[in-house]
Amino acid sequence: MVTRAENASANAVTEPDQVFELAAELFRVMSAPMRLKIISSLCDTEKNVGELLSEISTTQPNMSQHLNTLYQAGVLGKRRDGVQIFYRIVDDRVASLCRAVCLQIAVDGERRKD
């Protein structure tokens, strides 16, 4: 399945409205705290659902739903190894954006404590 973002990237994004639409779609996908936790967990290496569940407190159905949303949006890729499915970040822009925003929020939080 080709996502809107991939389709627009394949065709040159020339209209400012297209840029804003694609940015809004990316922010929508990243708008759930659970998805940000998943992205953060996958920043350094691929993981299967069991590994993600050991790091992130949620139910297996909820984790699967968020993984599917991120996969459908083109943020994550997956591969099967036997019965296990491993997820990885395929859109590095998302990981960079997630790191930058979360780091800035953490720094701002520390400043407010002082």
N, C-alpha and C. Protein backbone atom coordinates (compact mmCIF):
# COMPACT_ATOMS: atom_id res chain seq x y z
N MET A 1 0.84 -1.18 0.00
CA MET A 1 0.00 0.00 0.00
C MET A 1 0.88 1.24 0.00
N VAL A 2 0.64 2.16 -0.89
CA VAL A 2 1.38 3.41 -0.96
C VAL A 2 0.63 4.46 -0.16
N THR A 3 1.35 5.08 0.78
CA THR A 3 0.72 6.11 1.60
C THR A 3 0.64 7.42 0.82
N ARG A 4 -0.19 8.33 1.32
CA ARG A 4 -0.29 9.66 0.69
C ARG A 4 1.06 10.34 0.69
N ALA A 5 1.80 10.20 1.79
CA ALA A 5 3.11 10.85 1.89
C ALA A 5 4.07 10.28 0.85
N GLU A 6 4.08 8.96 0.69
CA GLU A 6 4.98 8.35 -0.29
C GLU A 6 4.57 8.75 -1.71
N ASN A 7 3.28 8.76 -1.97
CA ASN A 7 2.79 9.13 -3.29
C ASN A 7 3.16 10.57 -3.62
N ALA A 8 2.99 11.47 -2.66
CA ALA A 8 3.32 12.87 -2.89
C ALA A 8 4.82 13.05 -3.03
N SER A 9 5.61 12.24 -2.28
CA SER A 9 7.06 12.34 -2.39
C SER A 9 7.53 11.85 -3.76
N ALA A 10 6.87 10.83 -4.28
CA ALA A 10 7.24 10.30 -5.59
C ALA A 10 6.97 11.35 -6.66
N ASN A 11 5.84 12.03 -6.55
CA ASN A 11 5.55 13.16 -7.42
C ASN A 11 6.05 14.39 -6.69
N ALA A 12 6.73 15.26 -7.38
CA ALA A 12 7.28 16.44 -6.72
C ALA A 12 6.17 17.22 -6.03
N VAL A 13 6.39 17.54 -4.77
CA VAL A 13 5.44 18.35 -4.01
C VAL A 13 5.75 19.80 -4.35
N THR A 14 4.89 20.37 -5.19
CA THR A 14 5.17 21.72 -5.67
C THR A 14 4.23 22.76 -5.09
N GLU A 15 3.09 22.35 -4.62
CA GLU A 15 2.12 23.29 -4.09
C GLU A 15 2.29 23.43 -2.59
N PRO A 16 2.31 24.67 -2.09
CA PRO A 16 2.42 24.86 -0.63
C PRO A 16 1.32 24.12 0.13
N ASP A 17 0.11 24.07 -0.42
CA ASP A 17 -0.98 23.36 0.26
C ASP A 17 -0.66 21.89 0.42
N GLN A 18 0.01 21.28 -0.56
CA GLN A 18 0.39 19.87 -0.46
C GLN A 18 1.36 19.65 0.69
N VAL A 19 2.30 20.58 0.84
CA VAL A 19 3.28 20.47 1.92
C VAL A 19 2.57 20.49 3.27
N PHE A 20 1.64 21.43 3.42
CA PHE A 20 0.92 21.53 4.69
C PHE A 20 0.03 20.31 4.93
N GLU A 21 -0.58 19.81 3.90
CA GLU A 21 -1.42 18.61 4.03
C GLU A 21 -0.58 17.40 4.48
N LEU A 22 0.59 17.23 3.86
CA LEU A 22 1.46 16.11 4.22
C LEU A 22 2.00 16.26 5.63
N ALA A 23 2.36 17.48 6.00
CA ALA A 23 2.84 17.73 7.37
C ALA A 23 1.74 17.44 8.37
N ALA A 24 0.52 17.87 8.09
CA ALA A 24 -0.61 17.63 8.99
C ALA A 24 -0.87 16.13 9.13
N GLU A 25 -0.76 15.39 8.05
CA GLU A 25 -0.96 13.94 8.11
C GLU A 25 0.11 13.28 8.98
N LEU A 26 1.35 13.72 8.82
CA LEU A 26 2.43 13.16 9.65
C LEU A 26 2.20 13.49 11.13
N PHE A 27 1.82 14.71 11.42
CA PHE A 27 1.54 15.08 12.81
C PHE A 27 0.34 14.31 13.36
N ARG A 28 -0.66 14.02 12.53
CA ARG A 28 -1.81 13.25 12.97
C ARG A 28 -1.38 11.84 13.39
N VAL A 29 -0.54 11.23 12.58
CA VAL A 29 -0.06 9.89 12.88
C VAL A 29 0.75 9.88 14.18
N MET A 30 1.49 10.94 14.42
CA MET A 30 2.34 11.03 15.60
C MET A 30 1.62 11.62 16.81
N SER A 31 0.34 11.90 16.70
CA SER A 31 -0.37 12.62 17.75
C SER A 31 -0.72 11.79 18.98
N ALA A 32 -0.60 10.49 18.91
CA ALA A 32 -0.94 9.62 20.04
C ALA A 32 0.32 9.34 20.87
N PRO A 33 0.25 9.56 22.19
CA PRO A 33 1.42 9.28 23.04
C PRO A 33 1.93 7.85 22.88
N MET A 34 1.04 6.88 22.70
CA MET A 34 1.46 5.49 22.53
C MET A 34 2.33 5.35 21.28
N ARG A 35 1.97 6.02 20.22
CA ARG A 35 2.76 5.92 18.98
C ARG A 35 4.12 6.56 19.16
N LEU A 36 4.19 7.66 19.92
CA LEU A 36 5.48 8.27 20.21
C LEU A 36 6.37 7.34 21.03
N LYS A 37 5.77 6.62 21.97
CA LYS A 37 6.53 5.64 22.76
C LYS A 37 7.07 4.53 21.85
N ILE A 38 6.24 4.07 20.93
CA ILE A 38 6.67 3.02 20.00
C ILE A 38 7.81 3.53 19.13
N ILE A 39 7.67 4.71 18.57
CA ILE A 39 8.72 5.29 17.73
C ILE A 39 10.01 5.41 18.53
N SER A 40 9.91 5.92 19.75
CA SER A 40 11.09 6.07 20.59
C SER A 40 11.75 4.73 20.86
N SER A 41 10.96 3.71 21.12
CA SER A 41 11.49 2.38 21.39
C SER A 41 12.19 1.78 20.17
N LEU A 42 11.74 2.14 18.99
CA LEU A 42 12.29 1.57 17.77
C LEU A 42 13.40 2.42 17.15
N CYS A 43 13.77 3.51 17.80
CA CYS A 43 14.78 4.41 17.21
C CYS A 43 16.11 3.73 16.94
N ASP A 44 16.53 2.82 17.81
CA ASP A 44 17.86 2.25 17.68
C ASP A 44 17.90 0.88 17.01
N THR A 45 16.80 0.14 17.10
CA THR A 45 16.81 -1.22 16.56
C THR A 45 15.39 -1.72 16.34
N GLU A 46 15.25 -2.69 15.48
CA GLU A 46 13.94 -3.29 15.26
C GLU A 46 13.58 -4.17 16.45
N LYS A 47 12.28 -4.34 16.66
CA LYS A 47 11.79 -5.15 17.77
C LYS A 47 10.51 -5.85 17.37
N ASN A 48 10.26 -6.98 18.04
CA ASN A 48 8.99 -7.67 17.82
C ASN A 48 7.97 -7.16 18.84
N VAL A 49 6.74 -7.59 18.70
CA VAL A 49 5.66 -7.10 19.57
C VAL A 49 5.95 -7.43 21.04
N GLY A 50 6.45 -8.61 21.31
CA GLY A 50 6.76 -9.00 22.68
C GLY A 50 7.79 -8.08 23.31
N GLU A 51 8.82 -7.73 22.56
CA GLU A 51 9.84 -6.82 23.07
C GLU A 51 9.26 -5.43 23.33
N LEU A 52 8.41 -4.98 22.42
CA LEU A 52 7.77 -3.67 22.62
C LEU A 52 6.87 -3.69 23.86
N LEU A 53 6.12 -4.78 24.04
CA LEU A 53 5.23 -4.88 25.19
C LEU A 53 6.00 -4.95 26.51
N SER A 54 7.23 -5.46 26.48
CA SER A 54 8.03 -5.51 27.71
C SER A 54 8.52 -4.11 28.10
N GLU A 55 8.56 -3.20 27.15
CA GLU A 55 9.02 -1.83 27.40
C GLU A 55 7.88 -0.84 27.58
N ILE A 56 6.75 -1.12 26.96
CA ILE A 56 5.63 -0.17 26.93
C ILE A 56 4.41 -0.85 27.54
N SER A 57 3.87 -0.23 28.56
CA SER A 57 2.73 -0.80 29.28
C SER A 57 1.42 -0.55 28.52
N THR A 58 0.94 -1.60 27.86
CA THR A 58 -0.34 -1.56 27.16
C THR A 58 -0.76 -3.00 26.87
N THR A 59 -1.92 -3.15 26.30
CA THR A 59 -2.39 -4.49 25.92
C THR A 59 -1.86 -4.85 24.54
N GLN A 60 -1.84 -6.14 24.25
CA GLN A 60 -1.38 -6.58 22.94
C GLN A 60 -2.28 -6.06 21.82
N PRO A 61 -3.62 -6.09 21.97
CA PRO A 61 -4.46 -5.54 20.90
C PRO A 61 -4.23 -4.05 20.66
N ASN A 62 -4.04 -3.28 21.74
CA ASN A 62 -3.78 -1.85 21.59
C ASN A 62 -2.45 -1.60 20.88
N MET A 63 -1.42 -2.36 21.27
CA MET A 63 -0.11 -2.24 20.62
C MET A 63 -0.24 -2.56 19.14
N SER A 64 -0.94 -3.63 18.81
CA SER A 64 -1.09 -4.02 17.41
C SER A 64 -1.82 -2.96 16.60
N GLN A 65 -2.83 -2.34 17.20
CA GLN A 65 -3.56 -1.29 16.50
C GLN A 65 -2.65 -0.10 16.18
N HIS A 66 -1.84 0.32 17.15
CA HIS A 66 -0.93 1.44 16.91
C HIS A 66 0.17 1.08 15.92
N LEU A 67 0.69 -0.14 16.02
CA LEU A 67 1.71 -0.58 15.05
C LEU A 67 1.13 -0.58 13.64
N ASN A 68 -0.10 -1.03 13.50
CA ASN A 68 -0.74 -1.06 12.18
C ASN A 68 -0.93 0.36 11.64
N THR A 69 -1.34 1.29 12.49
CA THR A 69 -1.50 2.68 12.05
C THR A 69 -0.17 3.24 11.55
N LEU A 70 0.90 3.00 12.32
CA LEU A 70 2.22 3.50 11.92
C LEU A 70 2.71 2.80 10.64
N TYR A 71 2.41 1.53 10.51
CA TYR A 71 2.80 0.78 9.31
C TYR A 71 2.04 1.31 8.08
N GLN A 72 0.74 1.47 8.22
CA GLN A 72 -0.08 1.96 7.10
C GLN A 72 0.32 3.37 6.67
N ALA A 73 0.81 4.17 7.61
CA ALA A 73 1.23 5.53 7.30
C ALA A 73 2.62 5.58 6.67
N GLY A 74 3.30 4.44 6.62
CA GLY A 74 4.63 4.41 6.02
C GLY A 74 5.74 4.80 6.97
N VAL A 75 5.42 4.87 8.27
CA VAL A 75 6.43 5.21 9.27
C VAL A 75 7.25 3.97 9.63
N LEU A 76 6.58 2.83 9.74
CA LEU A 76 7.24 1.58 10.11
C LEU A 76 7.24 0.59 8.96
N GLY A 77 8.26 -0.25 8.97
CA GLY A 77 8.30 -1.41 8.09
C GLY A 77 8.26 -2.64 8.96
N LYS A 78 8.01 -3.79 8.37
CA LYS A 78 7.98 -5.02 9.16
C LYS A 78 8.53 -6.16 8.34
N ARG A 79 9.04 -7.16 9.06
CA ARG A 79 9.52 -8.39 8.43
C ARG A 79 9.15 -9.55 9.33
N ARG A 80 8.89 -10.67 8.70
CA ARG A 80 8.51 -11.88 9.44
C ARG A 80 9.73 -12.79 9.55
N ASP A 81 9.93 -13.32 10.75
CA ASP A 81 10.97 -14.31 11.00
C ASP A 81 10.31 -15.44 11.77
N GLY A 82 9.88 -16.48 11.08
CA GLY A 82 9.11 -17.54 11.69
C GLY A 82 7.73 -17.01 12.06
N VAL A 83 7.39 -17.13 13.34
CA VAL A 83 6.09 -16.63 13.79
C VAL A 83 6.18 -15.19 14.30
N GLN A 84 7.39 -14.69 14.42
CA GLN A 84 7.58 -13.33 14.93
C GLN A 84 7.55 -12.30 13.81
N ILE A 85 6.96 -11.13 14.10
CA ILE A 85 7.00 -10.01 13.17
C ILE A 85 7.82 -8.92 13.84
N PHE A 86 8.85 -8.45 13.15
CA PHE A 86 9.73 -7.41 13.65
C PHE A 86 9.40 -6.09 12.97
N TYR A 87 9.33 -5.03 13.76
CA TYR A 87 9.02 -3.69 13.26
C TYR A 87 10.26 -2.82 13.34
N ARG A 88 10.38 -1.91 12.39
CA ARG A 88 11.50 -0.97 12.35
C ARG A 88 11.01 0.34 11.76
N ILE A 89 11.71 1.40 12.06
CA ILE A 89 11.38 2.71 11.50
C ILE A 89 11.94 2.78 10.09
N VAL A 90 11.11 3.16 9.14
CA VAL A 90 11.57 3.30 7.76
C VAL A 90 11.57 4.76 7.31
N ASP A 91 10.95 5.62 8.09
CA ASP A 91 10.94 7.05 7.78
C ASP A 91 11.74 7.76 8.86
N ASP A 92 13.02 8.00 8.58
CA ASP A 92 13.91 8.61 9.57
C ASP A 92 13.49 10.01 9.98
N ARG A 93 12.73 10.68 9.13
CA ARG A 93 12.24 12.02 9.50
C ARG A 93 11.38 11.95 10.75
N VAL A 94 10.61 10.90 10.86
CA VAL A 94 9.72 10.74 12.01
C VAL A 94 10.53 10.55 13.28
N ALA A 95 11.55 9.71 13.24
CA ALA A 95 12.39 9.49 14.42
C ALA A 95 13.09 10.78 14.81
N SER A 96 13.61 11.51 13.85
CA SER A 96 14.29 12.78 14.13
C SER A 96 13.34 13.80 14.74
N LEU A 97 12.15 13.89 14.18
CA LEU A 97 11.16 14.83 14.69
C LEU A 97 10.73 14.45 16.10
N CYS A 98 10.51 13.18 16.33
CA CYS A 98 10.12 12.69 17.65
C CYS A 98 11.19 13.01 18.68
N ARG A 99 12.45 12.71 18.34
CA ARG A 99 13.56 12.99 19.27
C ARG A 99 13.66 14.48 19.58
N ALA A 100 13.60 15.30 18.54
CA ALA A 100 13.75 16.75 18.73
C ALA A 100 12.66 17.32 19.62
N VAL A 101 11.42 16.96 19.36
CA VAL A 101 10.30 17.51 20.14
C VAL A 101 10.35 16.99 21.58
N CYS A 102 10.54 15.70 21.77
CA CYS A 102 10.56 15.14 23.12
C CYS A 102 11.75 15.68 23.92
N LEU A 103 12.90 15.83 23.29
CA LEU A 103 14.07 16.39 23.97
C LEU A 103 13.81 17.83 24.40
N GLN A 104 13.22 18.62 23.52
CA GLN A 104 12.94 20.02 23.85
C GLN A 104 11.94 20.12 24.99
N ILE A 105 10.94 19.27 25.00
CA ILE A 105 9.96 19.28 26.09
C ILE A 105 10.63 18.89 27.41
N ALA A 106 11.51 17.89 27.37
CA ALA A 106 12.21 17.46 28.58
C ALA A 106 13.12 18.58 29.10
N VAL A 107 13.83 19.25 28.20
CA VAL A 107 14.71 20.36 28.59
C VAL A 107 13.89 21.50 29.19
N ASP A 108 12.79 21.84 28.54
CA ASP A 108 11.93 22.89 29.06
C ASP A 108 11.38 22.53 30.43
N GLY A 109 11.03 21.28 30.64
CA GLY A 109 10.53 20.82 31.94
C GLY A 109 11.57 20.96 33.03
N GLU A 110 12.84 20.66 32.71
CA GLU A 110 13.92 20.80 33.68
C GLU A 110 14.16 22.27 34.02
N ARG A 111 14.06 23.14 33.04
CA ARG A 111 14.24 24.58 33.28
C ARG A 111 13.17 25.12 34.21
N ARG A 112 11.96 24.62 34.06
CA ARG A 112 10.87 25.10 34.89
C ARG A 112 11.00 24.66 36.34
N LYS A 113 11.72 23.56 36.57
CA LYS A 113 11.94 23.09 37.93
C LYS A 113 12.91 24.00 38.69
N ASP A 114 13.81 24.63 37.95
CA ASP A 114 14.84 25.48 38.58
C ASP A 114 14.32 26.80 39.05
